[in-house]
Amino acid sequence: MTTVSAGAPSRGPLHGLRVFMYRHVWLRAVAVLSLPMLWLVLVYLTPLFVLFLTAFWSTNSFTNQVEQVFTWSNFQLVFTSVYLNVMLRTAGVAVAVTVLALIIGLPMAFFMARVARRRWRPFLVAIVLTPLWASYLVKVYAWRTMLSPQGGVLSWMLTPINNLFGTHFNGPGYGWTAVVVTLTYLWLPYMILPLYSGLERLPNSMLDASADLGAKNARTFRRVVLPLIFPSIVAGSIFTFSLSLGDYITVQIVGGKAVMLGTVVYQNFVLNLPFAAALATLPVIVMVIYLLVARRFGALEDL
C-alpha cells in the first residue's frame, strides 16, 4: 500500500503541462509572443502588404474601378518630376520640423532632467504631455486662427511695430512657414520625452570627469552629452519625421496653396486607388531607408 505524506504537494492535471513547458523554453517563448505577433501581422504588416500589392494594379479609365491587372504604370507616374518635387518638398518640411523640434526640445529636456528639482520633474513632464490630450483638429484650427493675416494673434502683436515704423508685417499667414510651425508644435512632445529620458539617465560621473579634465561646458556638451543622448535624438526624430512626412490635414488647414504628399494621396484615393497606393509607399520607403541608416550608425542599439 502506497502512502502519501501530508506535506507532499498535490499534482493536478496541469502538472504535466507545466513540466513540459518548463523543459521547452522555445515553446514558452512562442506561447508568450504568439498573440502580439498575430496582432502585428494582422494590424500592421497585412495592410502594408495589401497597400504594396494594390500599387501594382490598374484602374479602368471609364468606370474608375480597380482591376487586378499587373502594371508598372503607377510607379512610373510616381517617379515623374511633378510628384518627385512634391515628395522632396514633403521631406524638406519633415526635416525642418525635426530640426526645429530638436532646437526647441533639447534645452527644455535638459532643464527638466538636469536643472529642475527632482520633485518638479513629474509636473514638468505632465505639462509637456498636456497638449497631447487636446484634439488634433482643435490645435490645428487654433494655429489657423493665430496665423490669420486679418485679425490673427501674430498680426495683432505686430500692429504696434507697423504703426511705429510704418511697415506692413502681418505675420507668416498661410503657407509653408505656417505648416512647419504648426507641425513643430504638434509633434514637439514626441521629441522632448525621448530627450528627457536620455538626459535623465546621463551619468553624473561622466560630467564630473569632463569638468575635472578641464573641459568647458560647451565642449562637455559637444563631446560627452551629445554622443550619449544620440540614440534619444534618433528616437525623437523618428517620431517627428515620420508623423510630418505622412501628415495631410495640417497642410489643408494652414498651408494655403501648399501641397504635400499626403494631400496628393488623399486627392487620388477615390479616383485612382492604385496610384494613391503607389504614392503612399514612398513615405514607407523613406522611413525604411532612414531606419537602416540609423541602424548602420548604431543609433538604434541603445533604444
Protein backbone atom coordinates (compact mmCIF):
# COMPACT_ATOMS: atom_id res chain seq x y z
CA MET A 1 0.00 0.00 0.00
CA THR A 2 1.44 3.36 -1.08
CA THR A 3 1.29 6.15 1.42
CA VAL A 4 1.34 9.84 0.56
CA SER A 5 2.88 12.18 3.08
CA ALA A 6 0.75 15.04 4.27
CA GLY A 7 3.32 17.65 3.23
CA ALA A 8 3.76 16.40 -0.35
CA PRO A 9 2.37 18.80 -2.99
CA SER A 10 -0.61 17.51 -4.95
CA ARG A 11 -0.13 17.04 -8.68
CA GLY A 12 -3.08 18.41 -10.55
CA PRO A 13 -3.99 17.72 -14.19
CA LEU A 14 -1.89 20.68 -15.36
CA HIS A 15 1.29 19.48 -13.69
CA GLY A 16 2.45 17.56 -16.76
CA LEU A 17 1.82 20.56 -18.99
CA ARG A 18 3.80 22.81 -16.64
CA VAL A 19 6.69 20.38 -16.61
CA PHE A 20 6.61 20.11 -20.41
CA MET A 21 6.56 23.89 -20.85
CA TYR A 22 9.37 24.29 -18.32
CA ARG A 23 11.59 21.89 -20.22
CA HIS A 24 10.94 23.53 -23.62
CA VAL A 25 11.97 27.17 -23.41
CA TRP A 26 11.27 27.83 -27.10
CA LEU A 27 7.66 26.70 -26.66
CA ARG A 28 7.19 29.14 -23.80
CA ALA A 29 8.56 31.94 -25.97
CA VAL A 30 6.14 31.01 -28.76
CA ALA A 31 3.21 30.97 -26.32
CA VAL A 32 4.11 34.41 -24.97
CA LEU A 33 4.81 36.05 -28.32
CA SER A 34 2.13 34.42 -30.46
CA LEU A 35 -0.69 36.89 -29.70
CA PRO A 36 1.46 40.06 -30.04
CA MET A 37 2.95 38.75 -33.29
CA LEU A 38 -0.51 37.85 -34.60
CA TRP A 39 -1.70 41.38 -33.78
CA LEU A 40 1.36 42.85 -35.51
CA VAL A 41 0.78 40.78 -38.63
CA LEU A 42 -2.96 41.46 -38.86
CA VAL A 43 -2.98 45.14 -37.95
CA TYR A 44 0.32 46.37 -39.36
CA LEU A 45 2.04 44.06 -41.82
CA THR A 46 -1.08 42.86 -43.65
CA PRO A 47 -2.32 46.39 -44.51
CA LEU A 48 1.17 47.30 -45.71
CA PHE A 49 1.26 44.22 -47.91
CA VAL A 50 -2.18 44.99 -49.34
CA LEU A 51 -1.12 48.60 -49.93
CA PHE A 52 2.01 47.49 -51.79
CA LEU A 53 0.04 44.92 -53.79
CA THR A 54 -2.64 47.45 -54.76
CA ALA A 55 0.06 49.77 -56.12
CA PHE A 56 0.65 47.27 -58.95
CA TRP A 57 -3.00 47.10 -60.01
CA SER A 58 -4.66 49.26 -62.64
CA THR A 59 -7.80 51.39 -62.85
CA ASN A 60 -10.42 51.26 -65.54
CA SER A 61 -10.30 54.63 -67.27
CA PHE A 62 -14.07 54.60 -67.95
CA THR A 63 -15.56 53.32 -64.66
CA ASN A 64 -12.65 54.14 -62.28
CA GLN A 65 -12.99 50.61 -60.91
CA VAL A 66 -9.86 48.86 -59.67
CA GLU A 67 -8.79 45.99 -61.88
CA GLN A 68 -6.40 43.34 -60.60
CA VAL A 69 -4.16 43.61 -63.65
CA PHE A 70 -0.43 43.90 -63.01
CA THR A 71 1.17 47.12 -64.22
CA TRP A 72 4.23 49.31 -63.55
CA SER A 73 2.50 52.47 -64.75
CA ASN A 74 1.62 53.72 -61.26
CA PHE A 75 5.24 53.77 -60.14
CA GLN A 76 6.34 55.22 -63.46
CA LEU A 77 3.94 58.10 -62.87
CA VAL A 78 5.05 58.49 -59.26
CA PHE A 79 8.67 59.00 -60.29
CA THR A 80 7.90 61.80 -62.72
CA SER A 81 9.26 65.24 -61.92
CA VAL A 82 5.94 66.62 -60.63
CA TYR A 83 5.41 64.04 -57.91
CA LEU A 84 9.11 63.80 -57.07
CA ASN A 85 9.07 67.55 -56.40
CA VAL A 86 6.08 67.06 -54.10
CA MET A 87 7.95 64.28 -52.29
CA LEU A 88 11.08 66.43 -51.93
CA ARG A 89 9.07 69.33 -50.54
CA THR A 90 7.34 66.99 -48.12
CA ALA A 91 10.67 65.55 -46.98
CA GLY A 92 12.02 69.10 -46.63
CA VAL A 93 9.10 70.03 -44.37
CA ALA A 94 9.66 66.87 -42.28
CA VAL A 95 13.38 67.68 -41.92
CA ALA A 96 12.63 71.31 -40.98
CA VAL A 97 10.09 70.20 -38.37
CA THR A 98 12.56 67.68 -36.92
CA VAL A 99 15.41 70.20 -36.71
CA LEU A 100 13.18 72.89 -35.22
CA ALA A 101 11.73 70.44 -32.68
CA LEU A 102 15.27 69.42 -31.70
CA ILE A 103 16.39 73.04 -31.29
CA ILE A 104 13.40 73.81 -29.08
CA GLY A 105 13.12 70.47 -27.32
CA LEU A 106 16.76 69.92 -26.30
CA PRO A 107 17.03 72.94 -23.94
CA MET A 108 13.61 72.13 -22.48
CA ALA A 109 14.53 68.49 -21.90
CA PHE A 110 17.91 69.48 -20.43
CA PHE A 111 16.23 71.84 -17.97
CA MET A 112 13.69 69.19 -16.98
CA ALA A 113 16.26 66.42 -16.50
CA ARG A 114 19.36 68.22 -15.18
CA VAL A 115 18.35 71.62 -13.77
CA ALA A 116 14.88 71.34 -12.26
CA ARG A 117 14.47 69.84 -8.81
CA ARG A 118 13.57 66.16 -8.82
CA ARG A 119 10.19 66.74 -7.19
CA TRP A 120 9.20 69.11 -10.01
CA ARG A 121 10.13 66.78 -12.86
CA PRO A 122 6.86 64.77 -12.95
CA PHE A 123 4.96 68.07 -13.03
CA LEU A 124 7.07 69.33 -15.96
CA VAL A 125 6.55 66.05 -17.84
CA ALA A 126 2.79 66.42 -17.31
CA ILE A 127 2.94 69.95 -18.76
CA VAL A 128 4.73 68.60 -21.85
CA LEU A 129 2.10 65.88 -22.22
CA THR A 130 -0.88 68.20 -21.72
CA PRO A 131 -1.12 69.34 -25.40
CA LEU A 132 -1.45 65.69 -26.45
CA TRP A 133 -4.73 65.47 -24.54
CA ALA A 134 -6.35 68.09 -26.77
CA SER A 135 -7.91 67.22 -30.12
CA TYR A 136 -5.62 67.30 -33.14
CA LEU A 137 -8.09 69.39 -35.16
CA VAL A 138 -8.67 71.83 -32.30
CA LYS A 139 -4.94 72.56 -32.10
CA VAL A 140 -4.55 72.98 -35.86
CA TYR A 141 -7.54 75.31 -36.11
CA ALA A 142 -6.21 77.27 -33.14
CA TRP A 143 -2.99 77.86 -35.09
CA ARG A 144 -5.04 78.80 -38.15
CA THR A 145 -6.72 81.50 -36.07
CA MET A 146 -3.41 82.76 -34.69
CA LEU A 147 -1.72 82.81 -38.10
CA SER A 148 -4.57 84.58 -39.87
CA PRO A 149 -3.32 87.69 -41.71
CA GLN A 150 -6.50 89.53 -40.75
CA GLY A 151 -7.19 89.59 -37.03
CA GLY A 152 -4.79 86.84 -36.00
CA VAL A 153 -2.79 87.00 -32.77
CA LEU A 154 0.53 87.39 -34.58
CA SER A 155 -0.89 90.12 -36.80
CA TRP A 156 -2.25 91.89 -33.71
CA MET A 157 1.13 91.67 -31.94
CA LEU A 158 2.86 93.22 -34.96
CA THR A 159 0.43 96.14 -35.13
CA PRO A 160 2.42 98.42 -32.75
CA ILE A 161 5.61 97.77 -34.75
CA ASN A 162 3.83 98.58 -38.01
CA ASN A 163 2.43 101.76 -36.54
CA LEU A 164 5.81 102.80 -35.15
CA PHE A 165 7.93 102.13 -38.22
CA GLY A 166 5.28 102.40 -40.92
CA THR A 167 5.75 98.78 -42.01
CA HIS A 168 3.15 96.25 -43.10
CA PHE A 169 4.15 92.98 -41.44
CA ASN A 170 1.17 90.70 -40.92
CA GLY A 171 2.87 87.52 -39.78
CA PRO A 172 3.60 84.42 -41.87
CA GLY A 173 -0.02 83.91 -42.90
CA TYR A 174 -0.88 80.58 -44.54
CA GLY A 175 1.81 78.64 -46.40
CA TRP A 176 4.89 76.53 -45.85
CA THR A 177 6.03 78.52 -42.81
CA ALA A 178 2.66 78.01 -41.16
CA VAL A 179 2.81 74.29 -41.91
CA VAL A 180 6.29 73.92 -40.35
CA VAL A 181 5.35 75.95 -37.26
CA THR A 182 2.09 74.06 -36.70
CA LEU A 183 3.65 70.61 -37.20
CA THR A 184 6.51 71.53 -34.87
CA TYR A 185 4.00 72.44 -32.17
CA LEU A 186 2.04 69.23 -32.74
CA TRP A 187 4.99 66.83 -32.58
CA LEU A 188 7.27 68.67 -30.12
CA PRO A 189 6.32 66.44 -27.14
CA TYR A 190 7.47 63.39 -29.11
CA MET A 191 10.93 64.96 -29.31
CA ILE A 192 11.09 66.22 -25.73
CA LEU A 193 10.19 62.97 -23.99
CA PRO A 194 12.96 60.77 -25.53
CA LEU A 195 15.49 63.55 -24.92
CA TYR A 196 14.33 63.88 -21.33
CA SER A 197 14.65 60.13 -20.81
CA GLY A 198 18.17 60.08 -22.27
CA LEU A 199 19.35 63.11 -20.29
CA GLU A 200 17.91 61.73 -17.06
CA ARG A 201 19.94 58.53 -17.49
CA LEU A 202 23.12 60.51 -18.17
CA PRO A 203 25.72 59.53 -15.50
CA ASN A 204 26.88 62.44 -13.34
CA SER A 205 30.30 60.82 -13.16
CA MET A 206 30.82 61.46 -16.89
CA LEU A 207 30.09 65.16 -16.47
CA ASP A 208 32.29 65.39 -13.38
CA ALA A 209 35.16 63.64 -15.16
CA SER A 210 34.90 66.05 -18.08
CA ALA A 211 34.96 69.03 -15.73
CA ASP A 212 37.94 67.61 -13.82
CA LEU A 213 39.84 67.30 -17.09
CA GLY A 214 39.34 70.99 -17.75
CA ALA A 215 36.64 70.86 -20.41
CA LYS A 216 34.34 73.86 -20.68
CA ASN A 217 30.56 73.49 -20.68
CA ALA A 218 30.30 73.76 -24.46
CA ARG A 219 33.00 71.14 -25.02
CA THR A 220 31.42 68.82 -22.45
CA PHE A 221 28.07 69.14 -24.15
CA ARG A 222 29.56 68.52 -27.59
CA ARG A 223 31.95 65.68 -26.74
CA VAL A 224 30.18 63.94 -23.83
CA VAL A 225 26.46 64.76 -23.68
CA LEU A 226 25.58 64.66 -27.38
CA PRO A 227 27.20 61.25 -28.11
CA LEU A 228 25.47 59.71 -25.08
CA ILE A 229 21.99 61.05 -25.94
CA PHE A 230 22.35 60.46 -29.68
CA PRO A 231 20.03 57.39 -29.57
CA SER A 232 17.41 59.58 -27.85
CA ILE A 233 17.78 62.19 -30.59
CA VAL A 234 17.24 59.50 -33.21
CA ALA A 235 14.19 58.19 -31.33
CA GLY A 236 12.64 61.64 -31.22
CA SER A 237 13.47 62.32 -34.86
CA ILE A 238 11.78 59.08 -35.93
CA PHE A 239 8.51 60.32 -34.41
CA THR A 240 8.68 63.91 -35.68
CA PHE A 241 9.98 63.00 -39.14
CA SER A 242 7.55 60.15 -39.82
CA LEU A 243 4.50 61.98 -38.46
CA SER A 244 5.32 65.08 -40.51
CA LEU A 245 6.02 63.00 -43.61
CA GLY A 246 2.57 61.44 -43.60
CA ASP A 247 0.51 64.44 -42.47
CA TYR A 248 -2.08 65.88 -44.83
CA ILE A 249 -4.66 67.60 -42.61
CA THR A 250 -2.42 70.39 -41.33
CA VAL A 251 -1.35 71.46 -44.80
CA GLN A 252 -5.00 71.64 -45.88
CA ILE A 253 -5.93 73.89 -42.94
CA VAL A 254 -2.93 76.23 -42.64
CA GLY A 255 -0.97 75.50 -45.82
CA GLY A 256 -2.83 77.78 -48.21
CA LYS A 257 -1.80 76.68 -51.69
CA ALA A 258 0.94 74.37 -50.36
CA VAL A 259 0.67 70.69 -51.33
CA MET A 260 2.32 67.78 -49.54
CA LEU A 261 2.46 64.12 -50.45
CA GLY A 262 -0.35 63.19 -48.08
CA THR A 263 -2.59 65.71 -49.82
CA VAL A 264 -1.96 64.10 -53.20
CA VAL A 265 -2.69 60.64 -51.76
CA TYR A 266 -5.94 61.93 -50.27
CA GLN A 267 -6.97 63.53 -53.58
CA ASN A 268 -6.36 60.33 -55.57
CA PHE A 269 -7.75 57.85 -53.04
CA VAL A 270 -11.23 57.71 -54.61
CA LEU A 271 -10.44 58.38 -58.25
CA ASN A 272 -7.33 56.20 -58.62
CA LEU A 273 -6.72 53.91 -55.67
CA PRO A 274 -3.70 52.02 -57.15
CA PHE A 275 -1.91 55.29 -57.92
CA ALA A 276 -2.68 56.57 -54.41
CA ALA A 277 -1.26 53.31 -53.03
CA ALA A 278 1.90 53.77 -55.10
CA LEU A 279 2.28 57.31 -53.72
CA ALA A 280 1.68 56.07 -50.18
CA THR A 281 4.56 53.60 -50.47
CA LEU A 282 7.04 56.47 -50.85
CA PRO A 283 6.95 57.54 -47.16
CA VAL A 284 7.27 53.89 -46.16
CA ILE A 285 10.37 53.51 -48.33
CA VAL A 286 11.85 56.75 -46.99
CA MET A 287 11.32 55.66 -43.38
CA VAL A 288 12.82 52.22 -44.04
CA ILE A 289 15.92 53.87 -45.53
CA TYR A 290 16.08 56.26 -42.57
CA LEU A 291 15.90 53.40 -40.05
CA LEU A 292 18.54 51.40 -41.93
CA VAL A 293 20.90 54.38 -41.93
CA ALA A 294 20.28 54.95 -38.21
CA ARG A 295 20.91 51.28 -37.53
CA ARG A 296 24.07 51.37 -39.64
CA PHE A 297 25.50 54.10 -37.37
CA GLY A 298 24.44 52.24 -34.22
CA ALA A 299 21.80 54.75 -33.17
CA LEU A 300 19.16 52.07 -32.51
CA GLU A 301 21.25 49.76 -30.34
CA ASP A 302 20.54 51.51 -27.03
CA LEU A 303 16.87 52.33 -27.63
